[in-house]
Amino acid sequence: MNRRDFLKSKLGLAVVLMSVANTIKAQTGVKKRILLRSSWQTVNIGDIGHTPGVLHLLEKYLPDVEVKLWAGDVGNGVKEMLLKRFPSLEIITAADQTALKRAFQECDYLLHGSGPYLVADTDVAKWKNETGKPYGVYGITYNDVNQSSKVNDLLTNAEFVFFRDSYSLEYAQSVGVKSKIMEFGPDGAFAVDTFNEAPARAFLAANNLQEGKFMCVIPKYRYTPYWLIPSKNRPLDVEKDATNQAMKEHDHRALREAIIAVVTQTDLKILIVPEDETQVAIGKEMLYDPLPTEVKQKVVWRDRYWLTDEAISTYKLSAGLFGNEQHSPIMCIGNGIPAIVCRFKQQTSKGIMWRDIGLGDWLFDLDVEKEIEGIVPAVLAIAKDPQAAKRKALQARKVVVKKQKETMAVLKREL
């Protein structure tokens, strides 16, 4: 037997053995196992939120399936937060190659979680090449910034790919991605239900904020200045920093105007919060410090970063949220809280999901001057009629929940 025939025979034998093993599993009632590839970083509560969101969906819609988490980063208290909500979850990292090898053998399916692109393309390729088992992709953005022939091939060979915004779906189709199921599927962070109410309420009490009587606002530079985060150990990106400095006043002026309007025209206060570690300082620089002294009396600047569970618990106690980020609004809508998204081209197309779920008039493009004019009126409308805003948020949530149910049904069929 020559080498090529030998390899073919080994592959054929592996396929037969895998088929027999799957049949035995089905006949003996052994649980199916999913390996969830997620948890990209911990310096951003949205990147943290992807994981518990998808875990919640799997728990809700596939209760008989065992899930293992193949995590990138679960430091800084995130592992503890996940295990508090999912106490039986096995968390595997690249440092434990023995556990990872066992997961490759035991798991029937790889699910790549939500993210800004196919974040773990190398790991998906490893799964595909080493196991031959099926895999799917849940809630990603895709565009010319991260497109490649390698990723196109991985997406095409996936059992399904759910894109978290309609632009990404159309783009993938335009570059020849042909997975047998390609649809809009909400970002996994919509489903986060990790809460930490005690510190949230303690912070509100310490800062004289009352439930339902404040709105949250989040700042953001065009590019996240990762070079300012010690754990990232990245050099200054001169070009990106120059863009940030050039655009920071333009991108935060309307947010400050909205803060002033809410404080002076309603009885609500404002809480300035971060979505990533760098935004603590940005919130002070661009939102709090420039405010008139009399306005500052009704504005609170959160002076430290937090985890996803405390953030969501705080958002749930608020009248709504607005700002230049995406995932805090996602987690708000997932919990029925009104949320306005201001976006710009550096954030790719993910903001378009707001139109996809019926919230187009709560989406503002900071690269279109005419749209900026609508930010203050939209924020004021939420502040002045929170019940109407709440109904609108809940209606969008219904759209999301319907799609979540449909997408999980696809995964269940594939298993």
Protein backbone atom coordinates (compact mmCIF):
# COMPACT_ATOMS: atom_id res chain seq x y z
CA MET A 1 0.00 0.00 0.00
CA ASN A 2 1.45 3.40 -0.96
CA ARG A 3 1.42 6.40 1.38
CA ARG A 4 -1.60 8.08 -0.25
CA ASP A 5 -3.73 4.92 -0.06
CA PHE A 6 -2.62 4.38 3.52
CA LEU A 7 -3.69 7.90 4.53
CA LYS A 8 -7.00 7.48 2.73
CA SER A 9 -7.63 4.21 4.51
CA LYS A 10 -6.85 5.81 7.89
CA LEU A 11 -9.24 8.66 7.16
CA GLY A 12 -11.94 6.28 6.03
CA LEU A 13 -11.52 4.18 9.14
CA ALA A 14 -11.73 7.32 11.31
CA VAL A 15 -14.98 8.35 9.62
CA VAL A 16 -16.46 4.88 10.12
CA LEU A 17 -15.43 4.80 13.77
CA MET A 18 -16.85 8.27 14.33
CA SER A 19 -20.15 7.22 12.74
CA VAL A 20 -20.31 4.13 14.95
CA ALA A 21 -19.53 6.19 18.04
CA ASN A 22 -22.29 8.68 17.20
CA THR A 23 -24.76 5.84 16.68
CA ILE A 24 -23.85 4.34 20.03
CA LYS A 25 -24.29 7.73 21.67
CA ALA A 26 -27.73 8.13 20.18
CA GLN A 27 -28.80 4.63 21.20
CA THR A 28 -27.46 4.83 24.74
CA GLY A 29 -28.75 8.31 25.46
CA VAL A 30 -25.29 9.79 26.06
CA LYS A 31 -25.43 13.58 26.07
CA LYS A 32 -24.22 15.46 23.05
CA ARG A 33 -21.32 17.79 23.79
CA ILE A 34 -20.60 21.25 22.38
CA LEU A 35 -17.24 22.98 22.61
CA LEU A 36 -17.90 26.72 22.70
CA ARG A 37 -14.95 28.82 21.48
CA SER A 38 -15.38 32.24 23.02
CA SER A 39 -14.12 34.70 25.70
CA TRP A 40 -11.83 36.93 23.65
CA GLN A 41 -10.65 39.42 26.27
CA THR A 42 -11.58 40.87 29.67
CA VAL A 43 -10.85 44.58 29.25
CA ASN A 44 -14.24 45.13 27.59
CA ILE A 45 -17.55 44.13 29.22
CA GLY A 46 -19.01 43.44 25.78
CA ASP A 47 -16.31 40.92 24.88
CA ILE A 48 -16.91 39.37 28.28
CA GLY A 49 -20.66 39.34 27.66
CA HIS A 50 -20.55 37.23 24.48
CA THR A 51 -19.78 34.11 26.48
CA PRO A 52 -22.47 34.09 29.21
CA GLY A 53 -24.97 35.19 26.58
CA VAL A 54 -24.39 32.16 24.36
CA LEU A 55 -24.11 29.86 27.39
CA HIS A 56 -27.53 31.10 28.53
CA LEU A 57 -29.03 30.35 25.10
CA LEU A 58 -27.55 26.86 25.07
CA GLU A 59 -28.86 26.24 28.59
CA LYS A 60 -32.33 27.48 27.63
CA TYR A 61 -32.82 25.83 24.26
CA LEU A 62 -30.54 22.77 24.46
CA PRO A 63 -30.80 21.74 28.13
CA ASP A 64 -29.76 18.15 27.45
CA VAL A 65 -26.49 19.17 25.78
CA GLU A 66 -23.25 19.36 27.76
CA VAL A 67 -21.19 22.48 27.02
CA LYS A 68 -17.48 23.04 27.53
CA LEU A 69 -15.93 26.48 27.15
CA TRP A 70 -12.70 26.85 25.18
CA ALA A 71 -11.75 30.28 26.47
CA GLY A 72 -9.22 32.80 25.33
CA ASP A 73 -9.15 34.96 28.47
CA VAL A 74 -11.14 34.53 31.67
CA GLY A 75 -8.90 36.44 34.05
CA ASN A 76 -9.68 39.55 36.12
CA GLY A 77 -12.60 37.88 37.91
CA VAL A 78 -14.39 36.73 34.75
CA LYS A 79 -13.88 33.01 35.45
CA GLU A 80 -15.46 33.45 38.87
CA MET A 81 -18.35 35.41 37.37
CA LEU A 82 -19.01 32.65 34.81
CA LEU A 83 -18.84 29.86 37.37
CA LYS A 84 -21.21 31.71 39.68
CA ARG A 85 -23.83 31.66 36.92
CA PHE A 86 -22.83 28.29 35.38
CA PRO A 87 -21.35 26.28 38.27
CA SER A 88 -20.96 23.02 36.32
CA LEU A 89 -19.18 24.64 33.35
CA GLU A 90 -15.79 23.22 32.40
CA ILE A 91 -13.51 26.05 31.28
CA ILE A 92 -10.52 25.08 29.15
CA THR A 93 -7.72 27.37 28.02
CA ALA A 94 -4.81 26.84 25.66
CA ALA A 95 -2.53 26.38 28.68
CA ASP A 96 -4.18 23.02 29.39
CA GLN A 97 -3.47 21.06 26.24
CA THR A 98 -4.47 17.77 27.88
CA ALA A 99 -7.97 19.04 28.63
CA LEU A 100 -8.21 20.58 25.17
CA LYS A 101 -7.19 17.34 23.49
CA ARG A 102 -9.81 15.47 25.54
CA ALA A 103 -12.45 18.05 24.54
CA PHE A 104 -11.59 17.51 20.87
CA GLN A 105 -12.19 13.78 21.38
CA GLU A 106 -15.34 14.05 23.49
CA CYS A 107 -17.20 16.97 21.91
CA ASP A 108 -19.46 16.48 18.92
CA TYR A 109 -19.63 20.07 17.73
CA LEU A 110 -17.59 23.28 17.82
CA LEU A 111 -19.52 26.53 18.16
CA HIS A 112 -17.61 29.75 17.51
CA GLY A 113 -19.20 32.46 19.63
CA SER A 114 -20.04 36.06 18.81
CA GLY A 115 -17.32 38.52 17.93
CA PRO A 116 -16.17 41.31 15.60
CA TYR A 117 -15.09 38.71 13.04
CA LEU A 118 -14.16 35.02 13.00
CA VAL A 119 -11.84 35.72 15.93
CA ALA A 120 -10.59 32.15 16.40
CA ASP A 121 -10.17 31.21 12.74
CA THR A 122 -6.96 29.30 13.49
CA ASP A 123 -8.73 27.26 16.17
CA VAL A 124 -11.71 26.57 13.93
CA ALA A 125 -9.29 25.33 11.26
CA LYS A 126 -7.57 23.13 13.85
CA TRP A 127 -10.92 21.59 14.83
CA LYS A 128 -11.90 21.06 11.21
CA ASN A 129 -8.61 19.48 10.20
CA GLU A 130 -8.00 17.35 13.28
CA THR A 131 -11.51 16.06 13.98
CA GLY A 132 -13.55 16.33 10.80
CA LYS A 133 -16.50 17.08 13.07
CA PRO A 134 -19.06 19.79 12.28
CA TYR A 135 -18.91 23.38 13.47
CA GLY A 136 -21.03 26.52 13.36
CA VAL A 137 -20.54 30.25 13.78
CA TYR A 138 -22.83 32.31 15.98
CA GLY A 139 -23.23 36.07 15.58
CA ILE A 140 -20.19 37.66 13.93
CA THR A 141 -19.47 40.71 11.80
CA TYR A 142 -17.70 40.23 8.47
CA ASN A 143 -16.34 42.81 6.05
CA ASP A 144 -13.37 43.77 3.89
CA VAL A 145 -11.21 44.53 6.94
CA ASN A 146 -11.10 40.89 8.08
CA GLN A 147 -12.06 39.01 4.91
CA SER A 148 -9.66 36.42 3.55
CA SER A 149 -9.79 33.32 1.36
CA LYS A 150 -8.96 31.20 4.42
CA VAL A 151 -11.89 32.59 6.42
CA ASN A 152 -14.20 32.41 3.40
CA ASP A 153 -13.40 28.71 3.16
CA LEU A 154 -13.96 28.13 6.88
CA LEU A 155 -17.31 29.92 6.75
CA THR A 156 -18.36 28.02 3.64
CA ASN A 157 -17.62 24.70 5.33
CA ALA A 158 -19.50 25.63 8.51
CA GLU A 159 -22.86 23.96 9.06
CA PHE A 160 -24.27 27.45 9.60
CA VAL A 161 -23.08 31.03 9.93
CA PHE A 162 -25.19 33.62 11.71
CA PHE A 163 -24.13 37.19 11.08
CA ARG A 164 -24.98 39.78 13.71
CA ASP A 165 -25.82 42.48 11.16
CA SER A 166 -27.42 42.30 7.74
CA TYR A 167 -24.53 44.11 6.02
CA SER A 168 -22.14 41.32 7.05
CA LEU A 169 -24.50 38.70 5.66
CA GLU A 170 -24.72 40.50 2.33
CA TYR A 171 -20.97 41.05 2.25
CA ALA A 172 -20.23 37.39 2.91
CA GLN A 173 -22.55 36.41 0.08
CA SER A 174 -20.86 38.92 -2.23
CA VAL A 175 -17.40 37.40 -1.67
CA GLY A 176 -18.58 33.86 -2.31
CA VAL A 177 -19.21 32.42 1.15
CA LYS A 178 -21.66 29.56 0.68
CA SER A 179 -22.41 27.90 3.99
CA LYS A 180 -25.61 25.91 3.64
CA ILE A 181 -27.29 28.15 6.26
CA MET A 182 -26.41 31.86 6.26
CA GLU A 183 -28.76 34.24 8.08
CA PHE A 184 -28.98 37.21 10.41
CA GLY A 185 -28.48 36.02 13.98
CA PRO A 186 -28.29 38.32 17.00
CA ASP A 187 -25.05 38.89 18.90
CA GLY A 188 -24.85 36.43 21.78
CA ALA A 189 -24.51 39.30 24.27
CA PHE A 190 -28.24 40.04 23.91
CA ALA A 191 -28.85 36.98 26.09
CA VAL A 192 -26.56 37.82 29.02
CA ASP A 193 -28.25 37.20 32.37
CA THR A 194 -25.31 37.48 34.76
CA PHE A 195 -26.18 40.01 37.46
CA ASN A 196 -24.50 41.46 40.53
CA GLU A 197 -27.11 43.72 42.07
CA ALA A 198 -25.57 44.35 45.50
CA PRO A 199 -22.58 46.45 44.35
CA ALA A 200 -24.74 48.13 41.71
CA ARG A 201 -27.22 49.34 44.32
CA ALA A 202 -24.42 50.25 46.72
CA PHE A 203 -22.79 52.46 44.08
CA LEU A 204 -26.10 54.18 43.33
CA ALA A 205 -26.75 54.82 47.00
CA ALA A 206 -23.24 56.20 47.54
CA ASN A 207 -23.73 58.61 44.64
CA ASN A 208 -27.32 59.66 45.35
CA LEU A 209 -28.76 58.00 42.26
CA GLN A 210 -32.27 56.57 42.43
CA GLU A 211 -33.72 53.67 40.48
CA GLY A 212 -35.32 54.87 37.25
CA LYS A 213 -34.14 58.42 37.83
CA PHE A 214 -30.90 58.43 35.87
CA MET A 215 -29.58 57.63 32.40
CA CYS A 216 -26.19 56.12 31.55
CA VAL A 217 -23.83 57.45 28.90
CA ILE A 218 -20.70 55.86 27.42
CA PRO A 219 -17.83 57.67 25.63
CA LYS A 220 -15.54 56.14 23.02
CA TYR A 221 -12.63 57.18 20.84
CA ARG A 222 -12.55 56.13 17.18
CA TYR A 223 -9.94 53.49 18.04
CA THR A 224 -9.66 51.78 21.41
CA PRO A 225 -6.29 52.99 22.79
CA TYR A 226 -5.07 49.58 23.84
CA TRP A 227 -1.60 51.06 24.31
CA LEU A 228 -2.97 52.66 27.49
CA ILE A 229 -3.91 49.29 29.03
CA PRO A 230 -0.86 47.84 30.84
CA SER A 231 -1.99 44.22 30.43
CA LYS A 232 -2.05 44.58 26.65
CA ASN A 233 1.59 45.71 26.52
CA ARG A 234 1.16 47.42 23.14
CA PRO A 235 3.20 50.32 21.77
CA LEU A 236 1.57 53.63 20.95
CA ASP A 237 -0.15 53.54 17.56
CA VAL A 238 0.69 57.03 16.36
CA GLU A 239 -1.73 57.01 13.42
CA LYS A 240 -4.70 55.75 15.41
CA ASP A 241 -3.96 58.10 18.28
CA ALA A 242 -3.86 61.02 15.86
CA THR A 243 -7.32 60.05 14.56
CA ASN A 244 -8.62 59.78 18.12
CA GLN A 245 -7.34 63.21 19.06
CA ALA A 246 -8.62 64.80 15.86
CA MET A 247 -12.15 63.36 16.22
CA LYS A 248 -12.72 63.24 19.98
CA GLU A 249 -14.43 66.62 20.30
CA HIS A 250 -16.57 65.99 17.25
CA ASP A 251 -17.64 62.57 18.54
CA HIS A 252 -18.54 63.67 22.09
CA ARG A 253 -20.07 67.11 21.63
CA ALA A 254 -23.59 65.80 21.02
CA LEU A 255 -23.31 63.46 24.03
CA ARG A 256 -22.46 66.42 26.27
CA GLU A 257 -25.34 68.39 24.80
CA ALA A 258 -27.65 65.47 25.56
CA ILE A 259 -26.36 65.32 29.13
CA ILE A 260 -27.07 69.03 29.60
CA ALA A 261 -30.52 68.72 28.03
CA VAL A 262 -31.54 65.80 30.27
CA VAL A 263 -30.25 67.46 33.43
CA THR A 264 -31.83 70.86 32.73
CA GLN A 265 -35.12 69.74 31.18
CA THR A 266 -36.03 66.69 33.29
CA ASP A 267 -35.60 65.43 36.85
CA LEU A 268 -33.19 62.70 35.73
CA LYS A 269 -29.50 62.55 36.54
CA ILE A 270 -26.67 61.17 34.40
CA LEU A 271 -24.17 58.41 35.15
CA ILE A 272 -21.03 58.32 32.96
CA VAL A 273 -19.84 54.70 32.65
CA PRO A 274 -17.19 52.69 30.75
CA GLU A 275 -17.54 49.72 28.43
CA ASP A 276 -13.80 49.15 28.31
CA GLU A 277 -10.98 50.04 30.68
CA THR A 278 -9.81 53.08 28.69
CA GLN A 279 -13.21 54.76 28.80
CA VAL A 280 -13.01 55.59 32.49
CA ALA A 281 -10.49 58.34 31.71
CA ILE A 282 -12.20 59.28 28.44
CA GLY A 283 -15.49 59.80 30.27
CA LYS A 284 -13.87 62.32 32.60
CA GLU A 285 -11.94 64.08 29.87
CA MET A 286 -14.62 64.31 27.18
CA LEU A 287 -17.92 64.21 29.07
CA TYR A 288 -17.60 65.25 32.71
CA ASP A 289 -14.83 67.88 32.91
CA PRO A 290 -16.18 70.17 30.13
CA LEU A 291 -19.68 70.38 31.66
CA PRO A 292 -20.92 73.60 33.29
CA THR A 293 -20.53 73.57 37.07
CA GLU A 294 -24.28 73.65 37.71
CA VAL A 295 -24.79 70.62 35.43
CA LYS A 296 -22.07 68.60 37.14
CA GLN A 297 -24.15 68.61 40.31
CA LYS A 298 -26.52 66.12 38.64
CA VAL A 299 -23.86 64.09 36.84
CA VAL A 300 -21.84 61.20 38.30
CA TRP A 301 -18.59 59.97 36.74
CA ARG A 302 -17.80 56.34 37.52
CA ASP A 303 -14.09 56.38 38.32
CA ARG A 304 -13.34 52.67 37.87
CA TYR A 305 -13.87 49.80 35.45
CA TRP A 306 -16.38 47.05 36.24
CA LEU A 307 -17.45 43.60 35.13
CA THR A 308 -20.42 42.72 32.97
CA ASP A 309 -22.65 41.51 35.80
CA GLU A 310 -22.45 44.76 37.80
CA ALA A 311 -22.82 46.83 34.64
CA ILE A 312 -26.02 45.08 33.55
CA SER A 313 -27.45 45.31 37.06
CA THR A 314 -26.82 49.05 36.93
CA TYR A 315 -28.35 49.44 33.46
CA LYS A 316 -31.47 47.60 34.65
CA LEU A 317 -31.92 50.23 37.37
CA SER A 318 -31.57 53.11 34.89
CA ALA A 319 -34.06 54.84 32.59
CA GLY A 320 -31.90 54.10 29.57
CA LEU A 321 -28.49 54.43 27.98
CA PHE A 322 -26.85 56.35 25.13
CA GLY A 323 -23.33 56.76 23.79
CA ASN A 324 -20.69 55.67 21.32
CA GLU A 325 -20.58 51.96 22.16
CA GLN A 326 -22.47 48.89 20.97
CA HIS A 327 -22.46 46.12 23.55
CA SER A 328 -23.82 47.99 26.55
CA PRO A 329 -26.81 48.93 24.36
CA ILE A 330 -27.05 45.27 23.27
CA MET A 331 -27.15 44.10 26.88
CA CYS A 332 -29.67 46.83 27.71
CA ILE A 333 -32.10 45.80 24.96
CA GLY A 334 -31.62 42.16 26.00
CA ASN A 335 -33.00 43.23 29.37
CA GLY A 336 -35.71 45.55 28.04
CA ILE A 337 -33.83 48.81 28.74
CA PRO A 338 -33.93 51.64 26.13
CA ALA A 339 -30.57 52.22 24.44
CA ILE A 340 -29.28 54.58 21.75
CA VAL A 341 -26.24 53.69 19.62
CA CYS A 342 -23.94 56.30 18.07
CA ARG A 343 -21.54 54.72 15.58
CA PHE A 344 -18.72 55.61 13.19
CA LYS A 345 -16.92 53.83 10.38
CA GLN A 346 -14.10 52.53 12.58
CA GLN A 347 -16.66 50.33 14.40
CA THR A 348 -17.37 48.40 11.18
CA SER A 349 -20.97 47.52 10.34
CA LYS A 350 -22.15 46.07 13.65
CA GLY A 351 -24.32 49.09 14.47
CA ILE A 352 -26.58 48.19 11.56
CA MET A 353 -28.04 45.46 13.76
CA TRP A 354 -30.09 48.24 15.40
CA ARG A 355 -32.01 48.60 12.12
CA ASP A 356 -32.27 44.82 11.86
CA ILE A 357 -34.14 44.64 15.17
CA GLY A 358 -36.38 47.66 14.52
CA LEU A 359 -34.40 50.37 16.32
CA GLY A 360 -33.24 52.39 13.32
CA ASP A 361 -34.36 55.66 14.88
CA TRP A 362 -32.15 54.93 17.90
CA LEU A 363 -29.08 54.59 15.64
CA PHE A 364 -26.99 57.64 14.72
CA ASP A 365 -23.99 57.77 12.38
CA LEU A 366 -21.42 60.27 13.64
CA ASP A 367 -19.93 60.41 10.14
CA VAL A 368 -23.19 61.93 8.86
CA GLU A 369 -23.58 65.45 10.24
CA LYS A 370 -27.33 65.54 9.64
CA GLU A 371 -27.84 62.45 11.80
CA ILE A 372 -25.93 63.98 14.72
CA GLU A 373 -28.68 66.58 15.03
CA GLY A 374 -31.10 63.86 16.07
CA ILE A 375 -29.14 62.59 19.08
CA VAL A 376 -30.28 65.14 21.68
CA PRO A 377 -34.00 64.91 20.75
CA ALA A 378 -33.85 61.10 20.85
CA VAL A 379 -32.19 61.05 24.28
CA LEU A 380 -34.66 63.62 25.60
CA ALA A 381 -37.59 61.59 24.29
CA ILE A 382 -36.46 58.61 26.38
CA ALA A 383 -35.93 60.82 29.44
CA LYS A 384 -39.33 62.52 29.12
CA ASP A 385 -41.38 59.42 28.35
CA PRO A 386 -39.54 56.42 29.81
CA GLN A 387 -42.60 54.17 29.59
CA ALA A 388 -42.94 54.64 25.84
CA ALA A 389 -39.21 54.06 25.46
CA LYS A 390 -39.48 50.92 27.55
CA ARG A 391 -42.24 49.56 25.31
CA LYS A 392 -40.08 50.21 22.26
CA ALA A 393 -37.10 48.42 23.83
CA LEU A 394 -39.27 45.43 24.72
CA GLN A 395 -40.60 45.23 21.18
CA ALA A 396 -37.03 45.07 19.85
CA ARG A 397 -36.25 42.43 22.43
CA LYS A 398 -39.12 40.32 21.07
CA VAL A 399 -37.49 40.43 17.62
CA VAL A 400 -34.20 39.32 19.14
CA VAL A 401 -35.75 36.50 21.19
CA LYS A 402 -37.59 35.18 18.13
CA LYS A 403 -34.32 35.02 16.19
CA GLN A 404 -32.51 33.44 19.14
CA LYS A 405 -35.10 30.68 19.26
CA GLU A 406 -34.80 30.11 15.51
CA THR A 407 -31.01 30.02 15.51
CA MET A 408 -30.85 27.62 18.44
CA ALA A 409 -33.34 25.38 16.63
CA VAL A 410 -30.87 25.21 13.74
CA LEU A 411 -28.09 24.15 16.09
CA LYS A 412 -30.34 21.55 17.70
CA ARG A 413 -31.10 20.04 14.28
CA GLU A 414 -27.41 19.96 13.41
CA LEU A 415 -26.63 18.04 16.59
